[in-house]
Amino acid sequence: MPGGRNGGRQSTSSSSSSRHATPPAPFDRSLNEPVRVYPPEPGRSGPLAALQSLQNKNVAVVGFLSTSSSSSSRAFAFANRVIGRCVFRDDEMQSATTVKDVTLPASIHLYYDDVARCIYLLGLVRPDSLCFSPAASKVGMPNSNSKNKPSARRQSTTGDEAEEQPPLNEAQRIRKEMDTFEREKLKMQVLLYSSCNMLIVLREDARVTTNVLKDVRALAVEKTQLQSFVPTSTKHSKRDSNHSKGSSGGGNAFAPGRCVPLVVYVVPAPDETLHVSMKTQGSGPSRSATVTYCKSLETRLVTLFRSLRGSTVGSCRMRDALSAANLSKERRVFNLDPAHSVVVVSRRTATTDGRAESLLENLLDALDSDISADDVLNDDSLLQPLADDDMGLQRLNQYVQKYLDLLFSFSPSGSKDGGRTELLSPPQWLKVFHGLTKSYSRLDSKRRQEAAALEALGNDITLDYLAPASLATYHFDSM
């Protein structure tokens, strides 16, 4: 019967199509460009769609954290040098960090290197001059010495004095704006510390004070509260494949929300230290001043972090960071290798002067204008090794590559909870990361509800206290 034959052909074709599933489209490098993943960037689905084709490629995640209060261009230049290509451009990043002509307080940008099989995350904090409105920048934070000054309600003030004091609602607006900035800054850092295998922290100066402990404690509290909203590993049925178990973020120590990064601090060296290093560079195997300076900073950091609880910052060598004991400590903020926790670079490397176009421009300016092209190629000075102030960048690249090799050679391990500790593919990682940001939204929603409930409760208590007091009469017994 014709109908039966047609039905048989359809079933045969459907079964053959199920056996031969359409392979995913190849990775489109033309769409591979930086994209903002926090807050999500609408209308930029191209770069993320290109990553969806990489279903069977496990990737490592390396992050850059810049909390510079002066300029973000330094972070762009340094990240480009580590990646090895000009990825983050000033003009494009300026557009990516702006929403409706308002600069974001903090943001995270993603770039995938298909050669290194690595996702790079760049966490930025907007400079102070762009974060706050002109009124906030002009007035600044509310005066901390207001307690020592007479209140405007208690005594009259002249007209000039009244104009100098901002209205109460303006002070509240400034305080709210600054609180929002600090909250977004903390959220961005927690997302980075919870999603990267390695995190490179860029510092503007080499001062290491006890303030770093306050920042780490705040990160630890915030990460613990966020993890309470991260979904745990779910039980899989027997029909689930091993791939589905590995794709779920629950129980995976490399998944966003449970990842504990290995942290390296990048510090600009003082000019006098570099000057001494340059003088002793050709004096044989003696230890350079830069190396001595680096080791002193490492000792200082290790000593400070030892004062924290053992579950806050882990101290372990690089190869031990991937041990089962350390991978299970997901409540840690980060791990630190005591012998390789600091990299000292020159200020030129850590600033916009380290961009490739700036280096080429300086090289051309240094050449004689009358020199020919052949003489330039025969110039032996171009073959000289880099100065000592650039060796820090080379050491950082070697350190990052060594850790990436360890990550890619890591053998997946299972657990009783059904979770599987292995590097995720880009689609899996993006799915879990977006789930982590949604968990953060639920945490913020709960905090707002609790704050509103406390405020309402406080108002009720105040009314209950004031009403009887206003109606009370006091009787004193005569002595």
Protein backbone atom coordinates (compact mmCIF):
# COMPACT_ATOMS: atom_id res chain seq x y z
CA MET A 1 0.00 0.00 0.00
CA PRO A 2 1.33 3.44 -0.82
CA GLY A 3 0.44 4.79 2.53
CA GLY A 4 2.29 1.99 4.27
CA ARG A 5 5.34 2.43 2.10
CA ASN A 6 5.45 6.14 2.77
CA GLY A 7 5.09 5.57 6.47
CA GLY A 8 7.88 3.04 6.41
CA ARG A 9 10.14 5.44 4.55
CA GLN A 10 9.47 8.19 7.07
CA SER A 11 10.26 5.95 10.01
CA THR A 12 13.40 4.71 8.29
CA SER A 13 14.56 8.23 7.52
CA SER A 14 13.81 9.40 11.06
CA SER A 15 15.73 6.50 12.56
CA SER A 16 18.67 7.11 10.25
CA SER A 17 18.67 10.82 11.11
CA SER A 18 18.71 9.96 14.80
CA ARG A 19 21.67 7.66 14.24
CA HIS A 20 23.50 10.32 12.23
CA ALA A 21 22.95 13.48 14.23
CA THR A 22 23.92 16.76 12.60
CA PRO A 23 27.37 17.73 13.85
CA PRO A 24 27.69 21.17 15.42
CA ALA A 25 28.86 24.01 13.22
CA PRO A 26 32.60 24.66 13.27
CA PHE A 27 33.96 27.33 15.56
CA ASP A 28 33.53 30.70 13.87
CA ARG A 29 36.65 32.70 14.65
CA SER A 30 35.19 35.80 13.03
CA LEU A 31 32.68 36.00 15.89
CA ASN A 32 35.30 35.41 18.56
CA GLU A 33 35.63 38.69 20.38
CA PRO A 34 35.28 39.91 23.97
CA VAL A 35 31.77 39.85 25.38
CA ARG A 36 30.45 41.06 28.72
CA VAL A 37 29.09 38.20 30.81
CA TYR A 38 28.38 40.22 33.97
CA PRO A 39 26.14 42.08 33.83
CA PRO A 40 24.92 40.21 30.72
CA GLU A 41 25.32 42.19 27.51
CA PRO A 42 22.13 42.15 25.40
CA GLY A 43 22.42 42.01 21.64
CA ARG A 44 25.82 40.29 21.69
CA SER A 45 24.79 36.67 21.14
CA GLY A 46 27.31 36.11 18.34
CA PRO A 47 30.42 35.42 20.47
CA LEU A 48 28.49 33.21 22.88
CA ALA A 49 26.81 31.34 20.02
CA ALA A 50 30.23 30.58 18.55
CA LEU A 51 31.22 28.92 21.82
CA GLN A 52 28.20 26.59 21.65
CA SER A 53 29.91 24.61 18.87
CA LEU A 54 32.72 23.55 21.23
CA GLN A 55 30.77 20.73 22.85
CA ASN A 56 33.64 18.27 23.22
CA LYS A 57 36.46 20.61 24.24
CA ASN A 58 37.32 21.05 27.88
CA VAL A 59 38.72 24.48 28.68
CA ALA A 60 40.62 26.13 31.50
CA VAL A 61 39.63 29.52 32.93
CA VAL A 62 42.17 32.25 33.72
CA GLY A 63 41.01 35.53 35.21
CA PHE A 64 42.42 39.04 35.51
CA LEU A 65 41.24 41.24 38.37
CA SER A 66 41.84 44.97 38.26
CA THR A 67 40.54 47.27 40.96
CA SER A 68 42.35 50.31 39.58
CA SER A 69 40.84 53.58 40.73
CA SER A 70 42.55 55.67 38.05
CA SER A 71 42.42 53.89 34.67
CA SER A 72 41.19 50.66 33.10
CA SER A 73 43.55 50.94 30.12
CA ARG A 74 46.34 49.45 32.20
CA ALA A 75 44.34 46.27 32.70
CA PHE A 76 43.57 46.07 28.98
CA ALA A 77 47.24 46.42 28.04
CA PHE A 78 48.48 43.90 30.59
CA ALA A 79 45.83 41.30 29.76
CA ASN A 80 46.64 41.64 26.06
CA ARG A 81 50.32 40.99 26.73
CA VAL A 82 49.59 37.85 28.73
CA ILE A 83 47.11 36.56 26.14
CA GLY A 84 49.53 37.35 23.33
CA ARG A 85 47.17 39.31 21.10
CA CYS A 86 45.33 42.62 21.12
CA VAL A 87 41.95 41.53 22.43
CA PHE A 88 40.72 44.27 24.75
CA ARG A 89 40.73 47.60 22.89
CA ASP A 90 40.07 50.87 24.67
CA ASP A 91 37.34 52.15 22.34
CA GLU A 92 35.42 48.87 22.20
CA MET A 93 35.72 48.28 25.93
CA GLN A 94 34.46 51.78 26.60
CA SER A 95 31.25 50.85 24.79
CA ALA A 96 31.07 47.44 26.50
CA THR A 97 31.26 48.98 29.97
CA THR A 98 28.52 51.55 29.37
CA VAL A 99 24.77 51.04 29.56
CA LYS A 100 22.52 53.92 28.46
CA ASP A 101 25.40 56.40 28.80
CA VAL A 102 25.99 55.25 32.38
CA THR A 103 29.28 53.58 33.24
CA LEU A 104 28.89 50.27 35.04
CA PRO A 105 30.42 50.15 38.53
CA ALA A 106 31.94 46.71 37.83
CA SER A 107 31.85 44.20 35.01
CA ILE A 108 33.33 40.90 33.80
CA HIS A 109 34.33 40.34 30.18
CA LEU A 110 34.99 36.98 28.50
CA TYR A 111 37.34 36.06 25.67
CA TYR A 112 38.00 32.54 24.40
CA ASP A 113 41.44 31.59 23.05
CA ASP A 114 40.82 28.64 20.75
CA VAL A 115 44.55 27.94 20.39
CA ALA A 116 45.28 27.75 24.11
CA ARG A 117 41.81 26.25 24.87
CA CYS A 118 41.41 28.85 27.57
CA ILE A 119 38.63 31.19 28.64
CA TYR A 120 39.98 34.54 29.83
CA LEU A 121 37.88 36.61 32.22
CA LEU A 122 38.68 40.27 32.82
CA GLY A 123 37.10 41.81 35.92
CA LEU A 124 37.08 45.59 35.97
CA VAL A 125 36.11 48.27 38.45
CA ARG A 126 35.28 51.61 36.98
CA PRO A 127 37.61 54.48 37.90
CA ASP A 128 36.36 56.85 40.57
CA SER A 129 35.99 59.70 38.09
CA LEU A 130 33.50 57.63 36.05
CA CYS A 131 31.74 55.71 38.79
CA PHE A 132 30.15 58.58 40.61
CA SER A 133 28.04 61.47 39.45
CA PRO A 134 29.60 64.96 39.39
CA ALA A 135 27.86 65.80 42.65
CA ALA A 136 29.25 62.72 44.33
CA SER A 137 32.74 63.36 43.03
CA LYS A 138 32.60 66.98 44.14
CA VAL A 139 31.07 66.47 47.53
CA GLY A 140 32.65 63.09 48.24
CA MET A 141 31.58 60.88 51.06
CA PRO A 142 29.54 62.32 53.89
CA ASN A 143 31.73 64.17 56.32
CA SER A 144 32.99 61.75 58.95
CA ASN A 145 33.63 64.64 61.34
CA SER A 146 30.01 65.74 61.39
CA LYS A 147 29.64 64.40 64.92
CA ASN A 148 32.06 67.01 66.16
CA LYS A 149 30.28 69.86 64.40
CA PRO A 150 27.16 71.71 65.63
CA SER A 151 23.99 70.38 64.09
CA ALA A 152 22.04 72.64 61.75
CA ARG A 153 18.88 71.78 63.69
CA ARG A 154 20.32 72.96 67.02
CA GLN A 155 21.57 76.39 66.03
CA SER A 156 21.03 78.78 63.21
CA THR A 157 23.59 79.13 60.46
CA THR A 158 24.42 81.92 58.10
CA GLY A 159 23.43 81.79 54.47
CA ASP A 160 26.95 80.91 53.29
CA GLU A 161 27.22 78.04 55.75
CA ALA A 162 23.84 76.69 54.68
CA GLU A 163 24.91 76.69 51.04
CA GLU A 164 28.10 74.77 51.85
CA GLN A 165 26.17 71.96 53.54
CA PRO A 166 24.47 69.61 51.05
CA PRO A 167 20.81 68.83 51.66
CA LEU A 168 20.02 65.69 53.56
CA ASN A 169 18.51 63.96 50.53
CA GLU A 170 21.63 64.75 48.50
CA ALA A 171 23.87 63.19 51.15
CA GLN A 172 21.66 60.13 51.20
CA ARG A 173 21.84 59.87 47.43
CA ILE A 174 25.63 60.04 47.50
CA ARG A 175 25.79 57.40 50.21
CA LYS A 176 23.44 55.16 48.23
CA GLU A 177 25.52 55.60 45.08
CA MET A 178 28.72 54.68 46.87
CA ASP A 179 27.12 51.71 48.60
CA THR A 180 25.94 50.45 45.21
CA PHE A 181 29.45 50.81 43.84
CA GLU A 182 31.02 48.86 46.70
CA ARG A 183 28.35 46.15 46.47
CA GLU A 184 28.83 45.70 42.71
CA LYS A 185 32.59 45.67 43.16
CA LEU A 186 32.31 42.89 45.74
CA LYS A 187 29.92 40.87 43.58
CA MET A 188 32.27 41.05 40.61
CA GLN A 189 35.20 39.86 42.71
CA VAL A 190 33.22 36.99 44.25
CA LEU A 191 32.16 35.80 40.79
CA LEU A 192 35.79 35.83 39.64
CA TYR A 193 37.09 34.08 42.75
CA SER A 194 34.36 31.45 42.32
CA SER A 195 34.77 30.78 38.58
CA CYS A 196 38.49 30.81 37.68
CA ASN A 197 41.13 28.09 37.83
CA MET A 198 43.82 30.76 38.08
CA LEU A 199 43.38 34.43 38.96
CA ILE A 200 45.93 37.17 38.25
CA VAL A 201 45.39 40.13 40.57
CA LEU A 202 46.76 43.42 39.22
CA ARG A 203 47.82 45.89 41.87
CA GLU A 204 48.55 49.58 41.36
CA ASP A 205 51.24 49.73 44.02
CA ALA A 206 53.41 47.41 46.08
CA ARG A 207 52.03 48.39 49.48
CA VAL A 208 50.81 45.30 51.29
CA THR A 209 48.93 46.25 54.45
CA THR A 210 46.46 44.56 56.74
CA ASN A 211 43.65 45.98 54.60
CA VAL A 212 44.10 42.95 52.36
CA LEU A 213 42.88 40.78 55.25
CA LYS A 214 39.69 42.82 55.54
CA ASP A 215 39.04 42.36 51.82
CA VAL A 216 39.64 38.60 51.98
CA ARG A 217 37.33 38.22 54.98
CA ALA A 218 34.58 40.08 53.14
CA LEU A 219 35.08 37.80 50.13
CA ALA A 220 34.92 34.71 52.35
CA VAL A 221 31.63 35.76 53.97
CA GLU A 222 30.09 36.67 50.62
CA LYS A 223 31.22 33.46 48.92
CA THR A 224 29.83 31.34 51.77
CA GLN A 225 26.45 33.03 51.54
CA LEU A 226 26.40 32.66 47.76
CA GLN A 227 27.22 28.96 47.92
CA SER A 228 24.14 28.38 50.05
CA PHE A 229 22.10 29.41 46.99
CA VAL A 230 24.10 27.33 44.48
CA PRO A 231 22.21 24.14 43.52
CA THR A 232 23.81 20.98 44.85
CA SER A 233 24.46 17.92 42.74
CA THR A 234 21.31 16.07 41.81
CA LYS A 235 20.87 12.33 41.70
CA HIS A 236 21.11 10.87 38.20
CA SER A 237 19.04 7.98 36.95
CA LYS A 238 20.56 4.92 35.37
CA ARG A 239 19.49 6.17 31.97
CA ASP A 240 21.69 9.25 32.30
CA SER A 241 24.97 8.96 30.48
CA ASN A 242 28.35 9.71 31.91
CA HIS A 243 28.49 12.84 29.79
CA SER A 244 25.33 14.20 31.40
CA LYS A 245 26.84 13.59 34.81
CA GLY A 246 29.96 15.44 33.88
CA SER A 247 28.04 18.31 32.32
CA SER A 248 26.16 19.13 35.50
CA GLY A 249 27.88 21.74 37.63
CA GLY A 250 26.85 20.20 40.94
CA GLY A 251 29.70 18.43 42.68
CA ASN A 252 32.29 19.52 40.11
CA ALA A 253 35.17 21.32 41.81
CA PHE A 254 35.96 23.14 38.54
CA ALA A 255 32.43 24.48 38.04
CA PRO A 256 31.61 28.15 38.68
CA GLY A 257 30.46 28.57 42.25
CA ARG A 258 32.70 25.80 43.57
CA CYS A 259 36.02 26.63 41.91
CA VAL A 260 38.94 27.78 44.09
CA PRO A 261 41.54 29.66 42.02
CA LEU A 262 45.30 29.71 42.35
CA VAL A 263 46.10 33.40 42.83
CA VAL A 264 49.13 35.35 41.61
CA TYR A 265 49.67 39.01 42.50
CA VAL A 266 51.26 41.28 39.88
CA VAL A 267 53.04 44.21 41.49
CA PRO A 268 54.89 47.12 39.83
CA ALA A 269 58.44 47.47 41.10
CA PRO A 270 59.77 50.78 42.44
CA ASP A 271 62.10 52.62 40.07
CA GLU A 272 65.04 52.38 42.46
CA THR A 273 64.72 48.61 42.61
CA LEU A 274 64.77 48.36 38.83
CA HIS A 275 67.77 50.67 38.64
CA VAL A 276 69.76 48.46 41.00
CA SER A 277 68.70 45.35 39.07
CA MET A 278 69.85 46.84 35.79
CA LYS A 279 73.28 47.63 37.26
CA THR A 280 73.74 44.12 38.66
CA GLN A 281 72.32 42.34 35.61
CA GLY A 282 75.72 41.63 34.09
CA SER A 283 77.56 40.93 37.31
CA GLY A 284 77.12 37.15 37.21
CA PRO A 285 74.81 34.85 39.14
CA SER A 286 74.19 37.28 41.98
CA ARG A 287 70.58 37.70 43.02
CA SER A 288 68.98 40.76 41.44
CA ALA A 289 67.25 43.39 43.51
CA THR A 290 63.97 42.62 41.74
CA VAL A 291 64.05 38.98 42.83
CA THR A 292 64.89 39.99 46.39
CA TYR A 293 62.05 42.49 46.37
CA CYS A 294 59.66 39.83 45.03
CA LYS A 295 60.59 37.31 47.73
CA SER A 296 60.12 39.90 50.47
CA LEU A 297 56.60 40.62 49.22
CA GLU A 298 55.80 36.90 49.10
CA THR A 299 56.97 36.51 52.69
CA ARG A 300 54.84 39.46 53.73
CA LEU A 301 51.72 38.06 52.06
CA VAL A 302 52.17 34.56 53.46
CA THR A 303 52.65 35.97 56.96
CA LEU A 304 49.47 38.04 56.69
CA PHE A 305 47.32 35.21 55.35
CA ARG A 306 48.48 32.87 58.10
CA SER A 307 46.56 35.03 60.57
CA LEU A 308 43.32 34.04 58.82
CA ARG A 309 41.40 30.85 59.43
CA GLY A 310 42.77 27.84 57.65
CA SER A 311 39.59 27.48 55.62
CA THR A 312 39.90 30.99 54.15
CA VAL A 313 43.15 30.93 52.15
CA GLY A 314 44.95 27.71 51.24
CA SER A 315 48.74 27.50 51.14
CA CYS A 316 49.98 24.82 48.77
CA ARG A 317 52.35 24.27 45.88
CA MET A 318 51.03 24.45 42.36
CA ARG A 319 51.02 20.71 41.74
CA ASP A 320 49.23 20.12 45.05
CA ALA A 321 46.41 22.55 44.24
CA LEU A 322 44.76 19.82 42.15
CA SER A 323 44.93 17.16 44.84
CA ALA A 324 41.70 15.63 46.11
CA ALA A 325 42.20 17.20 49.54
CA ASN A 326 42.50 20.74 48.15
CA LEU A 327 39.79 20.35 45.52
CA SER A 328 37.31 19.43 48.26
CA LYS A 329 37.91 22.74 50.11
CA GLU A 330 35.42 24.69 48.01
CA ARG A 331 34.73 27.24 50.76
CA ARG A 332 38.23 28.64 50.44
CA VAL A 333 38.52 32.02 48.79
CA PHE A 334 41.69 31.05 46.92
CA ASN A 335 44.90 29.02 47.08
CA LEU A 336 48.37 30.54 47.24
CA ASP A 337 51.72 29.05 46.32
CA PRO A 338 54.12 30.52 48.92
CA ALA A 339 57.06 30.33 46.50
CA HIS A 340 55.26 31.79 43.47
CA SER A 341 52.60 34.15 44.76
CA VAL A 342 54.04 37.47 43.50
CA VAL A 343 55.34 38.61 40.13
CA VAL A 344 57.21 41.92 40.00
CA VAL A 345 57.10 43.83 36.72
CA SER A 346 58.12 47.30 35.68
CA ARG A 347 55.64 50.14 35.77
CA ARG A 348 56.00 50.35 32.01
CA THR A 349 54.78 46.76 31.72
CA ALA A 350 51.93 47.34 34.16
CA THR A 351 50.69 50.51 32.44
CA THR A 352 49.53 51.53 28.98
CA ASP A 353 53.15 52.07 27.93
CA GLY A 354 53.46 48.29 27.73
CA ARG A 355 51.12 48.03 24.76
CA ALA A 356 52.62 46.58 21.59
CA GLU A 357 51.98 49.73 19.57
CA SER A 358 53.70 51.84 22.23
CA LEU A 359 56.73 49.54 22.25
CA LEU A 360 56.98 49.72 18.46
CA GLU A 361 56.60 53.49 18.54
CA ASN A 362 59.38 53.81 21.10
CA LEU A 363 61.61 51.55 19.02
CA LEU A 364 61.09 53.63 15.89
CA ASP A 365 61.71 56.85 17.80
CA ALA A 366 64.99 55.47 19.12
CA LEU A 367 66.30 54.71 15.63
CA ASP A 368 68.27 57.21 13.62
CA SER A 369 66.12 58.86 10.99
CA ASP A 370 68.86 58.42 8.37
CA ILE A 371 69.31 54.70 8.95
CA SER A 372 68.27 52.36 6.13
CA ALA A 373 66.02 49.32 6.39
CA ASP A 374 68.96 46.96 5.88
CA ASP A 375 70.88 48.59 8.71
CA VAL A 376 67.86 48.18 10.99
CA LEU A 377 67.76 44.45 10.29
CA ASN A 378 71.48 44.17 10.97
CA ASP A 379 71.29 46.09 14.24
CA ASP A 380 72.59 43.76 16.94
CA SER A 381 70.86 45.74 19.68
CA LEU A 382 67.51 44.36 18.51
CA LEU A 383 68.74 40.86 19.33
CA GLN A 384 69.68 41.66 22.91
CA PRO A 385 67.66 39.97 25.69
CA LEU A 386 64.96 41.88 27.45
CA ALA A 387 65.87 44.07 30.37
CA ASP A 388 65.41 42.70 33.85
CA ASP A 389 62.22 44.67 34.38
CA ASP A 390 60.45 42.59 31.70
CA MET A 391 61.54 39.23 33.05
CA GLY A 392 58.63 39.27 35.47
CA LEU A 393 56.19 39.06 32.57
CA GLN A 394 58.08 36.11 31.13
CA ARG A 395 57.98 34.33 34.49
CA LEU A 396 54.24 34.94 34.72
CA ASN A 397 53.65 33.48 31.25
CA GLN A 398 55.70 30.41 32.15
CA TYR A 399 53.83 30.00 35.43
CA VAL A 400 50.42 30.28 33.74
CA GLN A 401 51.38 27.82 31.01
CA LYS A 402 52.68 25.33 33.56
CA TYR A 403 49.43 25.40 35.49
CA LEU A 404 47.39 25.06 32.29
CA ASP A 405 49.40 21.94 31.43
CA LEU A 406 48.58 20.51 34.86
CA LEU A 407 44.89 21.26 34.38
CA PHE A 408 44.69 19.63 30.96
CA SER A 409 46.58 16.56 32.17
CA PHE A 410 44.28 16.23 35.19
CA SER A 411 42.39 12.94 35.12
CA PRO A 412 38.65 13.28 35.88
CA SER A 413 37.56 11.80 39.18
CA GLY A 414 34.09 10.78 40.33
CA SER A 415 32.43 11.11 43.71
CA LYS A 416 29.67 9.34 45.61
CA ASP A 417 27.34 12.27 45.03
CA GLY A 418 27.32 11.65 41.30
CA GLY A 419 29.44 14.71 40.61
CA ARG A 420 32.42 14.51 38.32
CA THR A 421 35.49 16.70 38.77
CA GLU A 422 36.71 17.65 35.30
CA LEU A 423 37.16 20.74 33.18
CA LEU A 424 33.95 21.87 31.54
CA SER A 425 33.32 22.62 27.90
CA PRO A 426 32.51 26.26 26.98
CA PRO A 427 28.72 25.62 26.69
CA GLN A 428 28.71 23.81 30.04
CA TRP A 429 30.76 26.52 31.71
CA LEU A 430 28.55 29.32 30.37
CA LYS A 431 25.41 27.54 31.55
CA VAL A 432 26.74 27.07 35.08
CA PHE A 433 28.11 30.64 35.21
CA HIS A 434 24.76 32.11 34.20
CA GLY A 435 23.15 29.93 36.86
CA LEU A 436 25.60 31.35 39.39
CA THR A 437 24.63 34.92 38.52
CA LYS A 438 20.96 33.96 38.95
CA SER A 439 21.81 32.50 42.36
CA TYR A 440 23.38 35.85 43.24
CA SER A 441 20.17 37.59 42.19
CA ARG A 442 18.18 35.34 44.53
CA LEU A 443 20.61 36.14 47.34
CA ASP A 444 20.21 39.88 46.73
CA SER A 445 16.43 39.50 46.64
CA LYS A 446 16.45 37.72 49.99
CA ARG A 447 18.64 40.44 51.47
CA ARG A 448 16.28 43.16 50.28
CA GLN A 449 13.32 41.34 51.79
CA GLU A 450 15.10 40.92 55.12
CA ALA A 451 16.16 44.58 55.13
CA ALA A 452 12.59 45.70 54.44
CA ALA A 453 11.28 43.44 57.19
CA LEU A 454 13.81 44.79 59.68
CA GLU A 455 12.99 48.36 58.73
CA ALA A 456 9.28 47.72 59.19
CA LEU A 457 9.91 46.00 62.50
CA GLY A 458 12.05 48.91 63.64
CA ASN A 459 9.31 51.39 62.81
CA ASP A 460 6.75 49.34 64.74
CA ILE A 461 9.01 49.15 67.79
CA THR A 462 9.61 52.90 67.65
CA LEU A 463 5.89 53.64 67.50
CA ASP A 464 5.16 51.23 70.35
CA TYR A 465 7.86 52.91 72.42
CA LEU A 466 6.92 56.53 71.72
CA ALA A 467 3.16 56.18 72.16
CA PRO A 468 3.15 55.01 75.82
CA ALA A 469 5.92 57.46 76.67
CA SER A 470 3.90 60.40 75.42
CA LEU A 471 0.85 59.35 77.47
CA ALA A 472 2.65 58.38 80.64
CA THR A 473 2.38 60.41 83.86
CA TYR A 474 5.00 60.17 86.53
CA HIS A 475 4.31 60.34 90.29
CA PHE A 476 7.08 61.04 92.75
CA ASP A 477 6.76 59.99 96.35
CA SER A 478 7.51 62.72 98.83
CA MET A 479 10.44 62.09 101.04
